[in-house]
Amino acid sequence: ASIPGKGFRINNMGWYRQAPGKQREVVA
């Protein structure tokens, strides 16, 4: 994760996934 030309520190973040024909879901 970055902001081009600037510093960025991750705070809250998640992983999501989307299988074919399904809605995107939260994984972690």
PDB file of all heavy atoms in Angstrom:
ATOM      1  N   ALA A   1       0.847  -1.187   0.000  1.00  0.00           N
ATOM      2  CA  ALA A   1       0.000   0.000   0.000  1.00  0.00           C
ATOM      3  C   ALA A   1       0.884   1.239   0.000  1.00  0.00           C
ATOM      4  O   ALA A   1       1.844   1.319   0.769  1.00  0.00           O
ATOM      5  CB  ALA A   1      -0.901  -0.005   1.221  1.00  0.00           C
ATOM      6  N   SER A   2       0.548   2.187  -0.845  1.00  0.00           N
ATOM      7  CA  SER A   2       1.370   3.388  -0.926  1.00  0.00           C
ATOM      8  C   SER A   2       0.566   4.544  -1.486  1.00  0.00           C
ATOM      9  O   SER A   2      -0.481   4.359  -2.113  1.00  0.00           O
ATOM     10  CB  SER A   2       2.597   3.141  -1.804  1.00  0.00           C
ATOM     11  OG  SER A   2       2.215   2.885  -3.144  1.00  0.00           O
ATOM     12  N   ILE A   3       1.054   5.719  -1.233  1.00  0.00           N
ATOM     13  CA  ILE A   3       0.562   6.924  -1.904  1.00  0.00           C
ATOM     14  C   ILE A   3       1.742   7.445  -2.695  1.00  0.00           C
ATOM     15  O   ILE A   3       2.759   7.830  -2.109  1.00  0.00           O
ATOM     16  CB  ILE A   3       0.082   7.981  -0.904  1.00  0.00           C
ATOM     17  CG1 ILE A   3      -1.087   7.432  -0.082  1.00  0.00           C
ATOM     18  CG2 ILE A   3      -0.334   9.251  -1.641  1.00  0.00           C
ATOM     19  CD1 ILE A   3      -1.571   8.393   0.993  1.00  0.00           C
ATOM     20  N   PRO A   4       1.679   7.400  -4.030  1.00  0.00           N
ATOM     21  CA  PRO A   4       2.828   7.806  -4.849  1.00  0.00           C
ATOM     22  C   PRO A   4       3.371   9.165  -4.428  1.00  0.00           C
ATOM     23  O   PRO A   4       2.634  10.136  -4.320  1.00  0.00           O
ATOM     24  CB  PRO A   4       2.240   7.845  -6.261  1.00  0.00           C
ATOM     25  CG  PRO A   4       1.146   6.840  -6.223  1.00  0.00           C
ATOM     26  CD  PRO A   4       0.546   6.964  -4.843  1.00  0.00           C
ATOM     27  N   GLY A   5       4.658   9.206  -4.143  1.00  0.00           N
ATOM     28  CA  GLY A   5       5.315  10.446  -3.778  1.00  0.00           C
ATOM     29  C   GLY A   5       5.178  10.827  -2.324  1.00  0.00           C
ATOM     30  O   GLY A   5       5.704  11.856  -1.898  1.00  0.00           O
ATOM     31  N   LYS A   6       4.455   9.997  -1.559  1.00  0.00           N
ATOM     32  CA  LYS A   6       4.251  10.318  -0.142  1.00  0.00           C
ATOM     33  C   LYS A   6       4.436   9.069   0.699  1.00  0.00           C
ATOM     34  O   LYS A   6       4.409   7.957   0.203  1.00  0.00           O
ATOM     35  CB  LYS A   6       2.836  10.870   0.071  1.00  0.00           C
ATOM     36  CG  LYS A   6       2.551  12.159  -0.664  1.00  0.00           C
ATOM     37  CD  LYS A   6       1.157  12.658  -0.350  1.00  0.00           C
ATOM     38  CE  LYS A   6       0.853  13.957  -1.066  1.00  0.00           C
ATOM     39  NZ  LYS A   6      -0.498  14.480  -0.747  1.00  0.00           N
ATOM     40  N   GLY A   7       4.597   9.259   1.960  1.00  0.00           N
ATOM     41  CA  GLY A   7       4.656   8.117   2.852  1.00  0.00           C
ATOM     42  C   GLY A   7       3.248   7.670   3.218  1.00  0.00           C
ATOM     43  O   GLY A   7       2.309   8.458   3.182  1.00  0.00           O
ATOM     44  N   PHE A   8       3.119   6.403   3.546  1.00  0.00           N
ATOM     45  CA  PHE A   8       1.816   5.884   3.949  1.00  0.00           C
ATOM     46  C   PHE A   8       2.038   4.725   4.883  1.00  0.00           C
ATOM     47  O   PHE A   8       2.847   3.849   4.615  1.00  0.00           O
ATOM     48  CB  PHE A   8       1.003   5.428   2.729  1.00  0.00           C
ATOM     49  CG  PHE A   8      -0.335   4.829   3.082  1.00  0.00           C
ATOM     50  CD1 PHE A   8      -1.382   5.635   3.485  1.00  0.00           C
ATOM     51  CD2 PHE A   8      -0.538   3.456   3.027  1.00  0.00           C
ATOM     52  CE1 PHE A   8      -2.617   5.093   3.823  1.00  0.00           C
ATOM     53  CE2 PHE A   8      -1.755   2.899   3.362  1.00  0.00           C
ATOM     54  CZ  PHE A   8      -2.803   3.721   3.760  1.00  0.00           C
ATOM     55  N   ARG A   9       1.325   4.738   5.981  1.00  0.00           N
ATOM     56  CA  ARG A   9       1.395   3.633   6.924  1.00  0.00           C
ATOM     57  C   ARG A   9       0.008   3.022   7.058  1.00  0.00           C
ATOM     58  O   ARG A   9      -0.976   3.721   7.281  1.00  0.00           O
ATOM     59  CB  ARG A   9       1.891   4.120   8.282  1.00  0.00           C
ATOM     60  CG  ARG A   9       3.381   4.453   8.292  1.00  0.00           C
ATOM     61  CD  ARG A   9       3.780   5.163   9.573  1.00  0.00           C
ATOM     62  NE  ARG A   9       3.544   4.359  10.758  1.00  0.00           N
ATOM     63  CZ  ARG A   9       4.417   3.478  11.235  1.00  0.00           C
ATOM     64  NH1 ARG A   9       5.554   3.254  10.610  1.00  0.00           N
ATOM     65  NH2 ARG A   9       4.152   2.801  12.343  1.00  0.00           N
ATOM     66  N   ILE A  10      -0.012   1.711   6.924  1.00  0.00           N
ATOM     67  CA  ILE A  10      -1.275   0.995   6.987  1.00  0.00           C
ATOM     68  C   ILE A  10      -1.825   1.028   8.399  1.00  0.00           C
ATOM     69  O   ILE A  10      -1.107   0.799   9.366  1.00  0.00           O
ATOM     70  CB  ILE A  10      -1.083  -0.472   6.543  1.00  0.00           C
ATOM     71  CG1 ILE A  10      -0.696  -0.523   5.059  1.00  0.00           C
ATOM     72  CG2 ILE A  10      -2.334  -1.285   6.797  1.00  0.00           C
ATOM     73  CD1 ILE A  10      -0.256  -1.889   4.595  1.00  0.00           C
ATOM     74  N   ASN A  11      -3.132   1.271   8.498  1.00  0.00           N
ATOM     75  CA  ASN A  11      -3.794   1.173   9.788  1.00  0.00           C
ATOM     76  C   ASN A  11      -4.666  -0.076   9.744  1.00  0.00           C
ATOM     77  O   ASN A  11      -4.172  -1.195   9.885  1.00  0.00           O
ATOM     78  CB  ASN A  11      -4.603   2.422  10.074  1.00  0.00           C
ATOM     79  CG  ASN A  11      -5.053   2.483  11.516  1.00  0.00           C
ATOM     80  OD1 ASN A  11      -4.578   1.723  12.362  1.00  0.00           O
ATOM     81  ND2 ASN A  11      -5.978   3.375  11.813  1.00  0.00           N
ATOM     82  N   ASN A  12      -5.931   0.084   9.548  1.00  0.00           N
ATOM     83  CA  ASN A  12      -6.813  -1.078   9.409  1.00  0.00           C
ATOM     84  C   ASN A  12      -6.791  -1.559   7.960  1.00  0.00           C
ATOM     85  O   ASN A  12      -6.876  -0.759   7.038  1.00  0.00           O
ATOM     86  CB  ASN A  12      -8.242  -0.717   9.782  1.00  0.00           C
ATOM     87  CG  ASN A  12      -8.334  -0.215  11.196  1.00  0.00           C
ATOM     88  OD1 ASN A  12      -7.673  -0.714  12.080  1.00  0.00           O
ATOM     89  ND2 ASN A  12      -9.148   0.813  11.391  1.00  0.00           N
ATOM     90  N   MET A  13      -6.680  -2.852   7.772  1.00  0.00           N
ATOM     91  CA  MET A  13      -6.638  -3.382   6.412  1.00  0.00           C
ATOM     92  C   MET A  13      -7.213  -4.792   6.390  1.00  0.00           C
ATOM     93  O   MET A  13      -7.172  -5.498   7.410  1.00  0.00           O
ATOM     94  CB  MET A  13      -5.205  -3.417   5.884  1.00  0.00           C
ATOM     95  CG  MET A  13      -5.083  -3.696   4.395  1.00  0.00           C
ATOM     96  SD  MET A  13      -5.768  -2.421   3.339  1.00  0.00           S
ATOM     97  CE  MET A  13      -4.480  -1.192   3.452  1.00  0.00           C
ATOM     98  N   GLY A  14      -7.732  -5.147   5.253  1.00  0.00           N
ATOM     99  CA  GLY A  14      -8.318  -6.477   5.139  1.00  0.00           C
ATOM    100  C   GLY A  14      -8.000  -7.138   3.821  1.00  0.00           C
ATOM    101  O   GLY A  14      -7.577  -6.484   2.858  1.00  0.00           O
ATOM    102  N   TRP A  15      -8.206  -8.438   3.798  1.00  0.00           N
ATOM    103  CA  TRP A  15      -8.146  -9.218   2.570  1.00  0.00           C
ATOM    104  C   TRP A  15      -9.565  -9.648   2.212  1.00  0.00           C
ATOM    105  O   TRP A  15     -10.342 -10.050   3.095  1.00  0.00           O
ATOM    106  CB  TRP A  15      -7.258 -10.453   2.736  1.00  0.00           C
ATOM    107  CG  TRP A  15      -5.804 -10.150   2.620  1.00  0.00           C
ATOM    108  CD1 TRP A  15      -4.924  -9.941   3.635  1.00  0.00           C
ATOM    109  CD2 TRP A  15      -5.055 -10.030   1.422  1.00  0.00           C
ATOM    110  NE1 TRP A  15      -3.674  -9.693   3.143  1.00  0.00           N
ATOM    111  CE2 TRP A  15      -3.726  -9.743   1.770  1.00  0.00           C
ATOM    112  CE3 TRP A  15      -5.353 -10.141   0.057  1.00  0.00           C
ATOM    113  CZ2 TRP A  15      -2.705  -9.563   0.836  1.00  0.00           C
ATOM    114  CZ3 TRP A  15      -4.349  -9.969  -0.877  1.00  0.00           C
ATOM    115  CH2 TRP A  15      -3.041  -9.681  -0.486  1.00  0.00           C
ATOM    116  N   TYR A  16      -9.867  -9.572   0.935  1.00  0.00           N
ATOM    117  CA  TYR A  16     -11.159  -9.940   0.415  1.00  0.00           C
ATOM    118  C   TYR A  16     -10.941 -10.909  -0.747  1.00  0.00           C
ATOM    119  O   TYR A  16      -9.846 -10.989  -1.299  1.00  0.00           O
ATOM    120  CB  TYR A  16     -11.900  -8.704  -0.123  1.00  0.00           C
ATOM    121  CG  TYR A  16     -12.051  -7.588   0.886  1.00  0.00           C
ATOM    122  CD1 TYR A  16     -10.982  -6.760   1.214  1.00  0.00           C
ATOM    123  CD2 TYR A  16     -13.286  -7.340   1.495  1.00  0.00           C
ATOM    124  CE1 TYR A  16     -11.119  -5.737   2.135  1.00  0.00           C
ATOM    125  CE2 TYR A  16     -13.432  -6.311   2.408  1.00  0.00           C
ATOM    126  CZ  TYR A  16     -12.347  -5.513   2.723  1.00  0.00           C
ATOM    127  OH  TYR A  16     -12.489  -4.491   3.636  1.00  0.00           O
ATOM    128  N   ARG A  17     -11.993 -11.603  -1.120  1.00  0.00           N
ATOM    129  CA  ARG A  17     -11.876 -12.467  -2.286  1.00  0.00           C
ATOM    130  C   ARG A  17     -13.193 -12.497  -3.041  1.00  0.00           C
ATOM    131  O   ARG A  17     -14.261 -12.278  -2.466  1.00  0.00           O
ATOM    132  CB  ARG A  17     -11.454 -13.886  -1.904  1.00  0.00           C
ATOM    133  CG  ARG A  17     -12.476 -14.664  -1.100  1.00  0.00           C
ATOM    134  CD  ARG A  17     -11.892 -16.002  -0.661  1.00  0.00           C
ATOM    135  NE  ARG A  17     -12.841 -16.790   0.112  1.00  0.00           N
ATOM    136  CZ  ARG A  17     -12.530 -17.922   0.731  1.00  0.00           C
ATOM    137  NH1 ARG A  17     -11.276 -18.400   0.667  1.00  0.00           N
ATOM    138  NH2 ARG A  17     -13.455 -18.583   1.413  1.00  0.00           N
ATOM    139  N   GLN A  18     -13.073 -12.753  -4.333  1.00  0.00           N
ATOM    140  CA  GLN A  18     -14.265 -12.863  -5.172  1.00  0.00           C
ATOM    141  C   GLN A  18     -14.089 -14.033  -6.117  1.00  0.00           C
ATOM    142  O   GLN A  18     -13.178 -14.042  -6.951  1.00  0.00           O
ATOM    143  CB  GLN A  18     -14.500 -11.570  -5.958  1.00  0.00           C
ATOM    144  CG  GLN A  18     -15.805 -11.574  -6.720  1.00  0.00           C
ATOM    145  CD  GLN A  18     -16.179 -10.198  -7.239  1.00  0.00           C
ATOM    146  OE1 GLN A  18     -15.339  -9.313  -7.390  1.00  0.00           O
ATOM    147  NE2 GLN A  18     -17.460 -10.003  -7.498  1.00  0.00           N
ATOM    148  N   ALA A  19     -14.951 -15.000  -5.964  1.00  0.00           N
ATOM    149  CA  ALA A  19     -14.958 -16.164  -6.843  1.00  0.00           C
ATOM    150  C   ALA A  19     -15.904 -15.888  -8.014  1.00  0.00           C
ATOM    151  O   ALA A  19     -16.815 -15.048  -7.896  1.00  0.00           O
ATOM    152  CB  ALA A  19     -15.401 -17.400  -6.080  1.00  0.00           C
ATOM    153  N   PRO A  20     -15.722 -16.574  -9.127  1.00  0.00           N
ATOM    154  CA  PRO A  20     -16.590 -16.355 -10.286  1.00  0.00           C
ATOM    155  C   PRO A  20     -18.060 -16.525  -9.940  1.00  0.00           C
ATOM    156  O   PRO A  20     -18.453 -17.518  -9.321  1.00  0.00           O
ATOM    157  CB  PRO A  20     -16.125 -17.429 -11.276  1.00  0.00           C
ATOM    158  CG  PRO A  20     -14.710 -17.698 -10.907  1.00  0.00           C
ATOM    159  CD  PRO A  20     -14.656 -17.553  -9.419  1.00  0.00           C
ATOM    160  N   GLY A  21     -18.861 -15.550 -10.319  1.00  0.00           N
ATOM    161  CA  GLY A  21     -20.292 -15.622 -10.077  1.00  0.00           C
ATOM    162  C   GLY A  21     -20.717 -15.340  -8.655  1.00  0.00           C
ATOM    163  O   GLY A  21     -21.904 -15.467  -8.327  1.00  0.00           O
ATOM    164  N   LYS A  22     -19.777 -14.968  -7.802  1.00  0.00           N
ATOM    165  CA  LYS A  22     -20.106 -14.698  -6.406  1.00  0.00           C
ATOM    166  C   LYS A  22     -19.737 -13.272  -6.037  1.00  0.00           C
ATOM    167  O   LYS A  22     -18.929 -12.624  -6.697  1.00  0.00           O
ATOM    168  CB  LYS A  22     -19.374 -15.684  -5.490  1.00  0.00           C
ATOM    169  CG  LYS A  22     -19.813 -17.119  -5.664  1.00  0.00           C
ATOM    170  CD  LYS A  22     -19.188 -18.006  -4.609  1.00  0.00           C
ATOM    171  CE  LYS A  22     -19.686 -19.426  -4.724  1.00  0.00           C
ATOM    172  NZ  LYS A  22     -19.100 -20.296  -3.657  1.00  0.00           N
ATOM    173  N   GLN A  23     -20.323 -12.812  -4.951  1.00  0.00           N
ATOM    174  CA  GLN A  23     -19.997 -11.477  -4.470  1.00  0.00           C
ATOM    175  C   GLN A  23     -18.648 -11.493  -3.745  1.00  0.00           C
ATOM    176  O   GLN A  23     -18.208 -12.520  -3.228  1.00  0.00           O
ATOM    177  CB  GLN A  23     -21.087 -10.985  -3.504  1.00  0.00           C
ATOM    178  CG  GLN A  23     -22.384 -10.615  -4.190  1.00  0.00           C
ATOM    179  CD  GLN A  23     -23.328  -9.893  -3.257  1.00  0.00           C
ATOM    180  OE1 GLN A  23     -23.272 -10.055  -2.036  1.00  0.00           O
ATOM    181  NE2 GLN A  23     -24.217  -9.088  -3.817  1.00  0.00           N
ATOM    182  N   ARG A  24     -18.030 -10.336  -3.715  1.00  0.00           N
ATOM    183  CA  ARG A  24     -16.790 -10.191  -2.976  1.00  0.00           C
ATOM    184  C   ARG A  24     -17.079 -10.370  -1.488  1.00  0.00           C
ATOM    185  O   ARG A  24     -18.068  -9.855  -0.984  1.00  0.00           O
ATOM    186  CB  ARG A  24     -16.187  -8.817  -3.240  1.00  0.00           C
ATOM    187  CG  ARG A  24     -14.797  -8.600  -2.686  1.00  0.00           C
ATOM    188  CD  ARG A  24     -14.262  -7.259  -3.143  1.00  0.00           C
ATOM    189  NE  ARG A  24     -13.948  -7.282  -4.568  1.00  0.00           N
ATOM    190  CZ  ARG A  24     -13.870  -6.181  -5.324  1.00  0.00           C
ATOM    191  NH1 ARG A  24     -14.094  -5.009  -4.779  1.00  0.00           N
ATOM    192  NH2 ARG A  24     -13.550  -6.283  -6.596  1.00  0.00           N
ATOM    193  N   GLU A  25     -16.204 -11.104  -0.800  1.00  0.00           N
ATOM    194  CA  GLU A  25     -16.412 -11.347   0.614  1.00  0.00           C
ATOM    195  C   GLU A  25     -15.140 -11.037   1.402  1.00  0.00           C
ATOM    196  O   GLU A  25     -14.025 -11.135   0.877  1.00  0.00           O
ATOM    197  CB  GLU A  25     -16.814 -12.805   0.859  1.00  0.00           C
ATOM    198  CG  GLU A  25     -15.771 -13.836   0.434  1.00  0.00           C
ATOM    199  CD  GLU A  25     -16.167 -15.258   0.787  1.00  0.00           C
ATOM    200  OE1 GLU A  25     -17.185 -15.462   1.488  1.00  0.00           O
ATOM    201  OE2 GLU A  25     -15.434 -16.180   0.369  1.00  0.00           O
ATOM    202  N   VAL A  26     -15.344 -10.703   2.663  1.00  0.00           N
ATOM    203  CA  VAL A  26     -14.219 -10.452   3.549  1.00  0.00           C
ATOM    204  C   VAL A  26     -13.606 -11.781   3.971  1.00  0.00           C
ATOM    205  O   VAL A  26     -14.321 -12.706   4.345  1.00  0.00           O
ATOM    206  CB  VAL A  26     -14.668  -9.671   4.795  1.00  0.00           C
ATOM    207  CG1 VAL A  26     -13.515  -9.511   5.753  1.00  0.00           C
ATOM    208  CG2 VAL A  26     -15.224  -8.314   4.391  1.00  0.00           C
ATOM    209  N   VAL A  27     -12.290 -11.844   3.925  1.00  0.00           N
ATOM    210  CA  VAL A  27     -11.578 -13.045   4.347  1.00  0.00           C
ATOM    211  C   VAL A  27     -10.944 -12.828   5.713  1.00  0.00           C
ATOM    212  O   VAL A  27     -11.064 -13.670   6.606  1.00  0.00           O
ATOM    213  CB  VAL A  27     -10.496 -13.424   3.321  1.00  0.00           C
ATOM    214  CG1 VAL A  27      -9.665 -14.607   3.824  1.00  0.00           C
ATOM    215  CG2 VAL A  27     -11.120 -13.741   1.975  1.00  0.00           C
ATOM    216  N   ALA A  28     -10.259 -11.700   5.880  1.00  0.00           N
ATOM    217  CA  ALA A  28      -9.562 -11.421   7.127  1.00  0.00           C
ATOM    218  C   ALA A  28      -9.364  -9.923   7.261  1.00  0.00           C
ATOM    219  O   ALA A  28      -9.200  -9.219   6.268  1.00  0.00           O
ATOM    220  CB  ALA A  28      -8.211 -12.136   7.161  1.00  0.00           C
TER     221      ALA A  28
END
